[in-house]
Amino acid sequence: MIKRILLLLGLLLSSNAWAENIIVEEVIVKTVADKADNAFMMICTVLVLFMSVPGIALFYGGLLRSKNILSMLSQVLISFSLIAVLWVIYGYSLAFGDGNWFFGNFEWVLLKGIAITDIEGSIYQLIWVAFQGSFACITCCLILGAFAERIKFAAVMVFMVIWFTFSYVPMAHMVWGGGILGNEGALDFAGGTVVHINAAVAGLIGAYLVRQRIGFNKEPLKPFNLPYVYIGAAILYIGWFGFNAGSSTHADEIAGLAFINTVVATAAGVLAWSAVEWIHRGKPSCLGACSGVIAGLVGITPAAGFVGVGGALIIGLICGAAGVWGVSGLKRLLKVDDTCDVFGVHGVCGIVGCILTGIFTAESLGGVGFENNISMIEQLFIQVMSIITCVIWTAVVALIAFKVADKLVGLRVSIDHEREGLDINSHGESAFND
C-alpha cells in the first residue's frame, strides 16, 4: 500500500525517473520467488509421488491374489510414467494455460515457453508443473484397482491416454485452471472432484465393462497379503500430507490448517470404520482400519484448507462410516466387481467430502468462510453441481475410452489366462518363485 501511494505521488510530481524506479521496484517485489515456499513445494511433490509408487501399488497389490500382484505393480508404474510424459508434452498446458471453460491452450507444449526463472505465485513454475503432474499421475493410478485381475495390459495403456486427455485434463482446468467450476465458486482444495470422484467413476465404468472376475460371489477371492495393504495405506497416509498441505502452495497458516485437518480426519475415519465394522461384524479388522485411513483422507481432501479442526473431525467420522456402506451395501446394490473398492471408498467419500466442504467452510462452524458473502445453501448448490458435472463428464469419457480400447486391443484376457494369473501371462514372470 505504501509503495502504491509513493507511486501516485511520483506521478503527480511528474518525476519520471522516480516513478520508473518505483515501478521497477514493485515489479521485482511481485516476482521474487520465496525459497521456503519452493523447498516446501518440492517436498510435497515428492510425497505425492511417494503415494503412487509404492503406496498405491502395494495397497492395491496386497488386495489381489498372489498370481496378479506383479500385474498391478507394473500397471501402476508404467501408467504413472506414461502420464508423467503426457503431462509434460501437453497436459500441463491444456490444464493450466489460458483458454475456455474446459481446456487451456498449447502455449506450453513440452514446457517450451517456461524459463527456469519463471514464477507462479511465489514458486518457480517448473516446480508447480511437477506438483500438479504428481496429481495427474496418482489420479490415473487410482482407477486401476477397480478392474484388476482381468484386464489386458494394452487396454490399460489405450484407456489411460484417452481418459487423461479428455477427462483429467479438462476437470483440472475446470476446477483449478480458470475453467467454469472454479469461476462459479466450487470448493475443492486438493482434489475431491478432480482426483477422487473423477477416478472412482471411471473405475466403476471399467468394472462394469470388463465384467466380473471368474468366481465372483461364488468362491473366495481373498486378498493374499494384508501386510502389503497395511504398508501401502501407511505410505498413502504419509504422502497425503504433501497432497493436502501442498495445495496451499505456500508454507503458511493454510498449509498448517490442511496439515492438522489431515491428521484429525484420518484418525476419525479409522475409528469410525472400525467401530461400524465392530458393531455389525463383531470384530474390527486390520483391512477395515486401513480402509478407514483412505476414507478419512479422501473425505478431507476437498476441505483441508477450508474447514476448521472440528469440521475435519466430523468429516472423518462421517466418511469412515460412509465408506463401510460403500464397500458393502452400495457394492451389492450396484452388483459390480470393483476389485479394490475404488468407487466404494474414493467415490462415496469423495462425494460426501465435497458436500460437507460446502457446510463446514462456514465461518460460524469454524471454517475460513465463504467468498463473496454467499450463503451455505448457495455453496452447497455449487458443490452438488460440480459433483454432477464431474460424474457425467468422466463417465462419458471413460465409456468412450474403454470402447476404443476394446475395439483396438480387446478389454479382457482369456479365461485360461485369468485362471493362471496375469503375472505370468501378461508380464512373463512370477512374484513368488520356489
Protein backbone atom coordinates (compact mmCIF):
# COMPACT_ATOMS: atom_id res chain seq x y z
CA MET A 1 0.00 0.00 0.00
CA ILE A 2 2.86 2.41 0.88
CA LYS A 3 4.60 1.69 -2.42
CA ARG A 4 1.39 2.41 -4.34
CA ILE A 5 0.96 5.75 -2.53
CA LEU A 6 4.55 6.71 -3.33
CA LEU A 7 3.98 5.73 -6.93
CA LEU A 8 0.96 8.01 -7.18
CA LEU A 9 2.90 10.88 -5.58
CA GLY A 10 5.71 10.33 -8.04
CA LEU A 11 3.33 10.53 -10.97
CA LEU A 12 1.74 13.71 -9.60
CA LEU A 13 5.14 15.35 -9.21
CA SER A 14 5.95 14.39 -12.83
CA SER A 15 9.24 12.85 -11.81
CA ASN A 16 9.50 10.19 -14.50
CA ALA A 17 12.76 8.76 -13.26
CA TRP A 18 11.46 8.36 -9.70
CA ALA A 19 8.20 6.84 -10.90
CA GLU A 20 10.01 4.39 -13.17
CA ASN A 21 12.26 3.29 -10.31
CA ILE A 22 9.25 2.68 -8.08
CA ILE A 23 7.51 0.73 -10.84
CA VAL A 24 10.58 -1.45 -11.33
CA GLU A 25 10.83 -1.99 -7.58
CA GLU A 26 7.16 -3.01 -7.36
CA VAL A 27 7.51 -5.49 -10.22
CA ILE A 28 10.57 -7.02 -8.56
CA VAL A 29 8.67 -7.43 -5.30
CA LYS A 30 5.87 -9.23 -7.10
CA THR A 31 8.12 -11.69 -8.96
CA VAL A 32 10.63 -12.72 -6.32
CA ALA A 33 10.47 -16.43 -5.51
CA ASP A 34 10.18 -17.48 -1.89
CA LYS A 35 12.85 -20.05 -1.01
CA ALA A 36 10.83 -21.52 1.84
CA ASP A 37 7.78 -21.98 -0.40
CA ASN A 38 9.91 -23.58 -3.12
CA ALA A 39 11.51 -26.04 -0.70
CA PHE A 40 8.11 -26.82 0.82
CA MET A 41 6.52 -27.49 -2.58
CA MET A 42 9.36 -29.75 -3.72
CA ILE A 43 8.98 -31.83 -0.56
CA CYS A 44 5.22 -32.01 -1.06
CA THR A 45 5.69 -33.09 -4.67
CA VAL A 46 7.98 -35.93 -3.60
CA LEU A 47 5.42 -37.01 -1.01
CA VAL A 48 2.66 -37.20 -3.63
CA LEU A 49 4.94 -39.20 -5.94
CA PHE A 50 5.62 -41.49 -2.98
CA MET A 51 1.88 -42.11 -2.71
CA SER A 52 1.75 -43.70 -6.16
CA VAL A 53 4.97 -45.64 -6.27
CA PRO A 54 4.96 -47.54 -3.95
CA GLY A 55 1.83 -46.52 -1.97
CA ILE A 56 -0.98 -47.29 -4.41
CA ALA A 57 0.96 -50.23 -5.85
CA LEU A 58 1.33 -52.00 -2.50
CA PHE A 59 -2.16 -51.13 -1.26
CA TYR A 60 -3.86 -52.47 -4.38
CA GLY A 61 -1.36 -55.28 -4.88
CA GLY A 62 -1.97 -56.71 -1.43
CA LEU A 63 -5.73 -56.80 -2.09
CA LEU A 64 -5.30 -59.08 -5.09
CA ARG A 65 -4.43 -62.75 -5.34
CA SER A 66 -0.73 -63.59 -5.43
CA LYS A 67 -0.82 -64.55 -9.12
CA ASN A 68 -1.75 -60.98 -10.07
CA ILE A 69 0.35 -58.73 -7.86
CA LEU A 70 3.07 -58.04 -10.45
CA SER A 71 0.44 -57.06 -12.98
CA MET A 72 -0.77 -54.37 -10.58
CA LEU A 73 2.73 -53.15 -9.77
CA SER A 74 3.52 -52.97 -13.49
CA GLN A 75 0.27 -51.18 -14.36
CA VAL A 76 0.87 -48.59 -11.63
CA LEU A 77 4.50 -47.88 -12.51
CA ILE A 78 4.04 -47.80 -16.29
CA SER A 79 0.77 -45.81 -16.14
CA PHE A 80 2.47 -43.37 -13.78
CA SER A 81 5.36 -42.96 -16.21
CA LEU A 82 3.06 -42.60 -19.22
CA ILE A 83 1.02 -39.84 -17.58
CA ALA A 84 4.18 -38.03 -16.41
CA VAL A 85 5.37 -37.85 -20.02
CA LEU A 86 1.96 -36.80 -21.38
CA TRP A 87 1.71 -34.13 -18.67
CA VAL A 88 4.94 -32.53 -19.85
CA ILE A 89 4.10 -32.85 -23.56
CA TYR A 90 0.64 -31.26 -23.46
CA GLY A 91 -1.23 -31.97 -20.22
CA TYR A 92 0.02 -29.03 -18.18
CA SER A 93 -0.55 -26.56 -21.00
CA LEU A 94 -4.11 -27.75 -21.60
CA ALA A 95 -4.91 -27.82 -17.89
CA PHE A 96 -3.36 -24.54 -16.72
CA GLY A 97 -2.95 -22.43 -19.84
CA ASP A 98 -5.35 -19.62 -20.63
CA GLY A 99 -8.31 -20.96 -22.57
CA ASN A 100 -12.03 -21.50 -22.37
CA TRP A 101 -14.28 -23.10 -19.75
CA PHE A 102 -12.93 -26.62 -20.36
CA PHE A 103 -9.41 -26.53 -21.83
CA GLY A 104 -6.36 -24.31 -21.75
CA ASN A 105 -4.08 -23.85 -24.74
CA PHE A 106 -0.92 -25.24 -26.35
CA GLU A 107 1.37 -22.38 -25.33
CA TRP A 108 3.45 -24.56 -23.02
CA VAL A 109 3.67 -27.74 -25.10
CA LEU A 110 6.79 -29.61 -23.95
CA LEU A 111 7.12 -26.72 -21.49
CA LYS A 112 8.88 -24.81 -24.27
CA GLY A 113 7.63 -21.41 -23.15
CA ILE A 114 8.64 -21.78 -19.49
CA ALA A 115 12.05 -20.47 -18.40
CA ILE A 116 13.73 -21.82 -15.30
CA THR A 117 13.32 -18.40 -13.68
CA ASP A 118 9.58 -18.05 -14.39
CA ILE A 119 7.47 -17.65 -11.26
CA GLU A 120 3.99 -18.98 -10.47
CA GLY A 121 2.87 -17.17 -7.34
CA SER A 122 5.89 -17.43 -5.07
CA ILE A 123 7.36 -20.65 -6.51
CA TYR A 124 9.17 -21.45 -9.73
CA GLN A 125 6.72 -22.53 -12.40
CA LEU A 126 8.60 -25.76 -13.13
CA ILE A 127 8.04 -26.85 -9.53
CA TRP A 128 4.34 -26.07 -9.95
CA VAL A 129 4.34 -28.18 -13.12
CA ALA A 130 5.88 -31.10 -11.23
CA PHE A 131 3.49 -30.75 -8.28
CA GLN A 132 0.38 -30.72 -10.46
CA GLY A 133 1.83 -33.52 -12.58
CA SER A 134 2.05 -35.71 -9.50
CA PHE A 135 -1.71 -35.22 -9.03
CA ALA A 136 -2.38 -36.30 -12.62
CA CYS A 137 -0.24 -39.42 -12.17
CA ILE A 138 -1.84 -40.65 -8.97
CA THR A 139 -5.36 -39.96 -10.24
CA CYS A 140 -4.85 -42.26 -13.20
CA CYS A 141 -3.25 -44.91 -10.98
CA LEU A 142 -6.26 -44.87 -8.64
CA ILE A 143 -8.51 -46.16 -11.43
CA LEU A 144 -6.53 -49.39 -11.85
CA GLY A 145 -7.86 -51.08 -8.72
CA ALA A 146 -11.45 -51.19 -9.97
CA PHE A 147 -10.93 -53.73 -12.77
CA ALA A 148 -7.79 -55.52 -11.57
CA GLU A 149 -7.09 -59.20 -12.22
CA ARG A 150 -8.82 -59.49 -15.62
CA ILE A 151 -7.97 -56.57 -17.94
CA LYS A 152 -5.42 -56.63 -20.75
CA PHE A 153 -2.34 -54.53 -20.18
CA ALA A 154 -2.57 -52.99 -23.66
CA ALA A 155 -6.16 -51.95 -22.95
CA VAL A 156 -5.00 -50.14 -19.81
CA MET A 157 -2.49 -48.12 -21.83
CA VAL A 158 -5.00 -47.14 -24.52
CA PHE A 159 -7.57 -46.17 -21.91
CA MET A 160 -5.08 -44.08 -19.94
CA VAL A 161 -4.10 -41.92 -22.90
CA ILE A 162 -7.69 -41.14 -23.83
CA TRP A 163 -9.04 -40.67 -20.31
CA PHE A 164 -6.16 -38.49 -19.18
CA THR A 165 -6.52 -36.24 -22.21
CA PHE A 166 -10.27 -35.80 -22.20
CA SER A 167 -11.24 -36.27 -18.54
CA TYR A 168 -8.43 -35.48 -16.12
CA VAL A 169 -7.04 -32.51 -18.03
CA PRO A 170 -10.38 -30.71 -18.54
CA MET A 171 -11.51 -31.41 -14.96
CA ALA A 172 -8.25 -29.94 -13.63
CA HIS A 173 -8.77 -26.91 -15.86
CA MET A 174 -12.43 -26.52 -14.90
CA VAL A 175 -11.65 -26.51 -11.18
CA TRP A 176 -8.10 -25.17 -10.79
CA GLY A 177 -7.03 -23.75 -14.15
CA GLY A 178 -9.50 -20.92 -14.64
CA GLY A 179 -12.38 -23.00 -16.00
CA ILE A 180 -16.09 -22.95 -15.34
CA LEU A 181 -16.31 -24.75 -11.98
CA GLY A 182 -13.63 -22.70 -10.31
CA ASN A 183 -15.13 -19.49 -11.67
CA GLU A 184 -18.53 -20.49 -10.32
CA GLY A 185 -17.03 -20.88 -6.84
CA ALA A 186 -16.70 -24.66 -6.45
CA LEU A 187 -14.58 -25.51 -3.41
CA ASP A 188 -12.04 -28.27 -3.99
CA PHE A 189 -8.86 -27.67 -2.05
CA ALA A 190 -6.85 -30.72 -3.11
CA GLY A 191 -8.91 -32.91 -5.44
CA GLY A 192 -12.29 -34.16 -4.23
CA THR A 193 -13.74 -33.83 -7.72
CA VAL A 194 -10.60 -33.61 -9.85
CA VAL A 195 -8.92 -36.65 -8.30
CA HIS A 196 -11.22 -38.92 -6.32
CA ILE A 197 -14.67 -38.69 -7.88
CA ASN A 198 -13.10 -38.39 -11.31
CA ALA A 199 -11.07 -41.59 -10.90
CA ALA A 200 -13.75 -43.52 -9.00
CA VAL A 201 -16.46 -43.06 -11.62
CA ALA A 202 -14.03 -44.03 -14.38
CA GLY A 203 -13.11 -47.15 -12.43
CA LEU A 204 -16.77 -48.03 -11.91
CA ILE A 205 -17.46 -47.79 -15.65
CA GLY A 206 -14.44 -50.01 -16.30
CA ALA A 207 -15.53 -52.60 -13.75
CA TYR A 208 -18.91 -52.89 -15.47
CA LEU A 209 -17.46 -53.12 -18.98
CA VAL A 210 -14.69 -55.60 -18.13
CA ARG A 211 -17.29 -57.62 -16.21
CA GLN A 212 -16.91 -59.71 -13.06
CA ARG A 213 -13.97 -61.95 -12.31
CA ILE A 214 -14.37 -65.70 -12.68
CA GLY A 215 -15.75 -66.99 -9.39
CA PHE A 216 -17.01 -63.62 -8.14
CA ASN A 217 -19.64 -64.22 -5.43
CA LYS A 218 -19.17 -67.98 -5.95
CA GLU A 219 -15.77 -68.64 -4.40
CA PRO A 220 -13.47 -66.74 -2.00
CA LEU A 221 -11.38 -64.09 -3.77
CA LYS A 222 -9.43 -63.05 -0.68
CA PRO A 223 -6.51 -60.59 -0.51
CA PHE A 224 -3.28 -62.55 -0.50
CA ASN A 225 -1.19 -60.19 1.66
CA LEU A 226 -2.77 -57.84 4.21
CA PRO A 227 0.63 -56.61 5.48
CA TYR A 228 1.20 -55.19 1.96
CA VAL A 229 -2.16 -53.44 2.27
CA TYR A 230 -1.16 -52.01 5.66
CA ILE A 231 2.20 -50.77 4.35
CA GLY A 232 0.51 -49.24 1.31
CA ALA A 233 -2.05 -47.48 3.49
CA ALA A 234 0.70 -46.16 5.76
CA ILE A 235 2.61 -44.79 2.76
CA LEU A 236 -0.55 -43.16 1.44
CA TYR A 237 -1.20 -41.62 4.87
CA ILE A 238 2.28 -40.08 4.97
CA GLY A 239 2.23 -38.98 1.35
CA TRP A 240 -1.19 -37.38 1.68
CA PHE A 241 0.30 -34.55 3.72
CA GLY A 242 2.03 -33.44 0.53
CA PHE A 243 -1.28 -33.81 -1.27
CA ASN A 244 -3.27 -31.63 1.12
CA ALA A 245 -0.78 -29.26 2.73
CA GLY A 246 0.98 -28.72 -0.60
CA SER A 247 -2.25 -27.49 -2.17
CA SER A 248 -1.80 -24.31 -0.15
CA THR A 249 1.22 -23.60 -2.43
CA HIS A 250 2.84 -21.74 0.48
CA ALA A 251 4.48 -22.75 3.74
CA ASP A 252 1.87 -20.73 5.60
CA GLU A 253 -1.07 -20.92 8.00
CA ILE A 254 -3.36 -22.55 5.41
CA ALA A 255 -0.83 -25.33 4.91
CA GLY A 256 -0.76 -25.75 8.69
CA LEU A 257 -4.55 -25.94 8.78
CA ALA A 258 -4.60 -28.53 5.99
CA PHE A 259 -1.90 -30.49 7.80
CA ILE A 260 -3.70 -30.77 11.15
CA ASN A 261 -7.03 -31.40 9.42
CA THR A 262 -5.48 -34.32 7.56
CA VAL A 263 -4.28 -35.84 10.83
CA VAL A 264 -7.61 -35.42 12.58
CA ALA A 265 -9.89 -36.54 9.74
CA THR A 266 -7.83 -39.64 9.03
CA ALA A 267 -7.80 -40.70 12.67
CA ALA A 268 -11.56 -40.16 12.83
CA GLY A 269 -12.03 -42.19 9.65
CA VAL A 270 -10.13 -45.14 11.11
CA LEU A 271 -12.14 -45.06 14.34
CA ALA A 272 -15.49 -44.70 12.58
CA TRP A 273 -14.80 -47.53 10.11
CA SER A 274 -13.56 -49.83 12.86
CA ALA A 275 -16.49 -49.02 15.14
CA VAL A 276 -19.10 -49.67 12.44
CA GLU A 277 -17.38 -52.90 11.47
CA TRP A 278 -17.14 -53.98 15.10
CA ILE A 279 -20.85 -53.35 15.65
CA HIS A 280 -22.04 -55.11 12.51
CA ARG A 281 -19.49 -57.91 12.16
CA GLY A 282 -18.43 -58.47 15.73
CA LYS A 283 -14.73 -57.74 15.11
CA PRO A 284 -12.73 -54.74 13.89
CA SER A 285 -10.38 -55.88 11.12
CA CYS A 286 -6.96 -54.61 10.07
CA LEU A 287 -8.25 -54.32 6.50
CA GLY A 288 -11.13 -52.20 7.78
CA ALA A 289 -8.78 -49.90 9.69
CA CYS A 290 -6.59 -49.48 6.58
CA SER A 291 -9.70 -48.70 4.55
CA GLY A 292 -10.68 -46.17 7.20
CA VAL A 293 -7.37 -44.41 6.62
CA ILE A 294 -8.23 -43.95 2.95
CA ALA A 295 -11.83 -42.94 3.71
CA GLY A 296 -10.75 -40.19 6.09
CA LEU A 297 -8.05 -38.95 3.72
CA VAL A 298 -10.40 -38.85 0.74
CA GLY A 299 -13.13 -37.09 2.70
CA ILE A 300 -10.90 -34.29 3.95
CA THR A 301 -9.13 -33.71 0.62
CA PRO A 302 -11.59 -31.15 -0.83
CA ALA A 303 -11.98 -29.45 2.57
CA ALA A 304 -8.47 -29.50 4.03
CA GLY A 305 -7.67 -25.79 3.76
CA PHE A 306 -11.23 -24.53 4.17
CA VAL A 307 -12.67 -26.11 7.32
CA GLY A 308 -11.76 -25.90 10.99
CA VAL A 309 -10.38 -28.80 13.01
CA GLY A 310 -13.82 -29.62 14.42
CA GLY A 311 -15.24 -29.77 10.92
CA ALA A 312 -12.40 -32.06 9.84
CA LEU A 313 -13.17 -34.40 12.75
CA ILE A 314 -16.84 -34.67 11.76
CA ILE A 315 -15.97 -35.15 8.09
CA GLY A 316 -13.63 -38.00 9.01
CA LEU A 317 -16.24 -39.70 11.18
CA ILE A 318 -18.96 -39.44 8.54
CA CYS A 319 -16.70 -40.61 5.72
CA GLY A 320 -15.44 -43.56 7.76
CA ALA A 321 -19.00 -44.78 8.25
CA ALA A 322 -19.99 -43.94 4.66
CA GLY A 323 -17.05 -45.95 3.36
CA VAL A 324 -18.24 -49.10 5.12
CA TRP A 325 -21.59 -48.71 3.38
CA GLY A 326 -19.85 -48.00 0.08
CA VAL A 327 -17.88 -51.25 0.05
CA SER A 328 -20.75 -53.40 1.33
CA GLY A 329 -24.34 -52.22 0.87
CA LEU A 330 -23.74 -50.00 -2.16
CA LYS A 331 -21.47 -52.53 -3.81
CA ARG A 332 -24.13 -55.23 -3.53
CA LEU A 333 -26.75 -52.79 -4.80
CA LEU A 334 -24.68 -51.92 -7.86
CA LYS A 335 -23.80 -55.60 -8.47
CA VAL A 336 -20.33 -54.62 -9.60
CA ASP A 337 -16.99 -56.37 -9.14
CA ASP A 338 -14.94 -53.34 -8.07
CA THR A 339 -11.86 -55.35 -7.10
CA CYS A 340 -10.23 -52.84 -4.74
CA ASP A 341 -13.41 -50.87 -3.89
CA VAL A 342 -12.28 -47.77 -5.74
CA PHE A 343 -15.79 -46.37 -6.07
CA GLY A 344 -16.92 -47.55 -2.64
CA VAL A 345 -14.16 -45.55 -0.93
CA HIS A 346 -12.90 -42.84 -3.30
CA GLY A 347 -16.23 -42.23 -4.99
CA VAL A 348 -18.52 -42.32 -1.95
CA CYS A 349 -16.16 -40.50 0.41
CA GLY A 350 -15.17 -38.02 -2.30
CA ILE A 351 -18.82 -37.10 -2.86
CA VAL A 352 -19.55 -36.90 0.88
CA GLY A 353 -16.41 -34.83 1.47
CA CYS A 354 -17.26 -32.36 -1.30
CA ILE A 355 -20.76 -31.83 0.06
CA LEU A 356 -19.57 -31.44 3.66
CA THR A 357 -16.98 -28.92 2.47
CA GLY A 358 -19.89 -26.71 1.49
CA ILE A 359 -21.15 -26.88 5.07
CA PHE A 360 -18.09 -26.74 7.33
CA THR A 361 -16.32 -23.98 5.39
CA ALA A 362 -18.85 -21.66 7.06
CA GLU A 363 -17.13 -19.28 9.45
CA SER A 364 -19.81 -19.97 12.06
CA LEU A 365 -18.73 -23.64 12.05
CA GLY A 366 -15.02 -22.89 12.35
CA GLY A 367 -14.14 -22.65 8.66
CA VAL A 368 -12.46 -19.85 6.75
CA GLY A 369 -15.80 -18.58 5.43
CA PHE A 370 -17.42 -18.44 2.01
CA GLU A 371 -16.23 -15.99 -0.60
CA ASN A 372 -18.45 -13.22 -1.96
CA ASN A 373 -20.71 -13.47 1.11
CA ILE A 374 -22.78 -16.28 -0.36
CA SER A 375 -24.95 -18.43 1.87
CA MET A 376 -24.34 -22.04 2.83
CA ILE A 377 -27.29 -23.13 0.68
CA GLU A 378 -25.80 -21.39 -2.35
CA GLN A 379 -22.41 -23.00 -1.72
CA LEU A 380 -24.00 -26.43 -1.31
CA PHE A 381 -25.77 -25.97 -4.64
CA ILE A 382 -22.44 -25.11 -6.29
CA GLN A 383 -20.79 -28.15 -4.68
CA VAL A 384 -23.53 -30.51 -5.88
CA MET A 385 -23.39 -29.09 -9.40
CA SER A 386 -19.62 -29.58 -9.50
CA ILE A 387 -20.07 -33.21 -8.42
CA ILE A 388 -22.75 -33.84 -11.05
CA THR A 389 -20.59 -32.22 -13.73
CA CYS A 390 -17.62 -34.39 -12.76
CA VAL A 391 -19.66 -37.62 -12.66
CA ILE A 392 -21.26 -37.09 -16.05
CA TRP A 393 -18.08 -35.85 -17.73
CA THR A 394 -15.81 -38.66 -16.55
CA ALA A 395 -18.46 -41.35 -17.11
CA VAL A 396 -18.90 -40.36 -20.76
CA VAL A 397 -15.18 -40.08 -21.41
CA ALA A 398 -14.44 -43.37 -19.63
CA LEU A 399 -17.13 -45.18 -21.62
CA ILE A 400 -15.69 -43.91 -24.89
CA ALA A 401 -12.12 -44.68 -23.82
CA PHE A 402 -12.93 -48.27 -22.84
CA LYS A 403 -14.91 -48.80 -26.05
CA VAL A 404 -11.98 -47.57 -28.14
CA ALA A 405 -9.59 -49.82 -26.21
CA ASP A 406 -11.96 -52.75 -26.72
CA LYS A 407 -12.06 -52.16 -30.48
CA LEU A 408 -8.30 -51.77 -30.77
CA VAL A 409 -6.92 -54.48 -28.47
CA GLY A 410 -9.83 -56.02 -26.55
CA LEU A 411 -10.51 -55.40 -22.85
CA ARG A 412 -10.41 -58.74 -21.11
CA VAL A 413 -7.84 -61.51 -21.03
CA SER A 414 -8.87 -65.04 -21.92
CA ILE A 415 -10.40 -67.37 -19.34
CA ASP A 416 -7.27 -69.53 -19.26
CA HIS A 417 -5.02 -66.52 -18.73
CA GLU A 418 -7.25 -65.20 -15.97
CA ARG A 419 -7.22 -68.54 -14.17
CA GLU A 420 -3.46 -68.86 -14.46
CA GLY A 421 -2.88 -65.23 -13.47
CA LEU A 422 -1.85 -62.04 -15.20
CA ASP A 423 1.69 -62.04 -13.83
CA ILE A 424 2.88 -64.93 -15.94
CA ASN A 425 0.64 -64.31 -18.95
CA SER A 426 0.84 -60.54 -19.28
CA HIS A 427 4.38 -59.99 -17.99
CA GLY A 428 6.14 -63.36 -18.19
CA GLU A 429 7.19 -63.51 -14.56
CA SER A 430 6.02 -64.65 -11.12
CA ALA A 431 6.19 -62.72 -7.90
CA PHE A 432 7.00 -65.77 -5.79
CA ASN A 433 9.32 -68.37 -7.27
CA ASP A 434 10.03 -71.63 -5.45
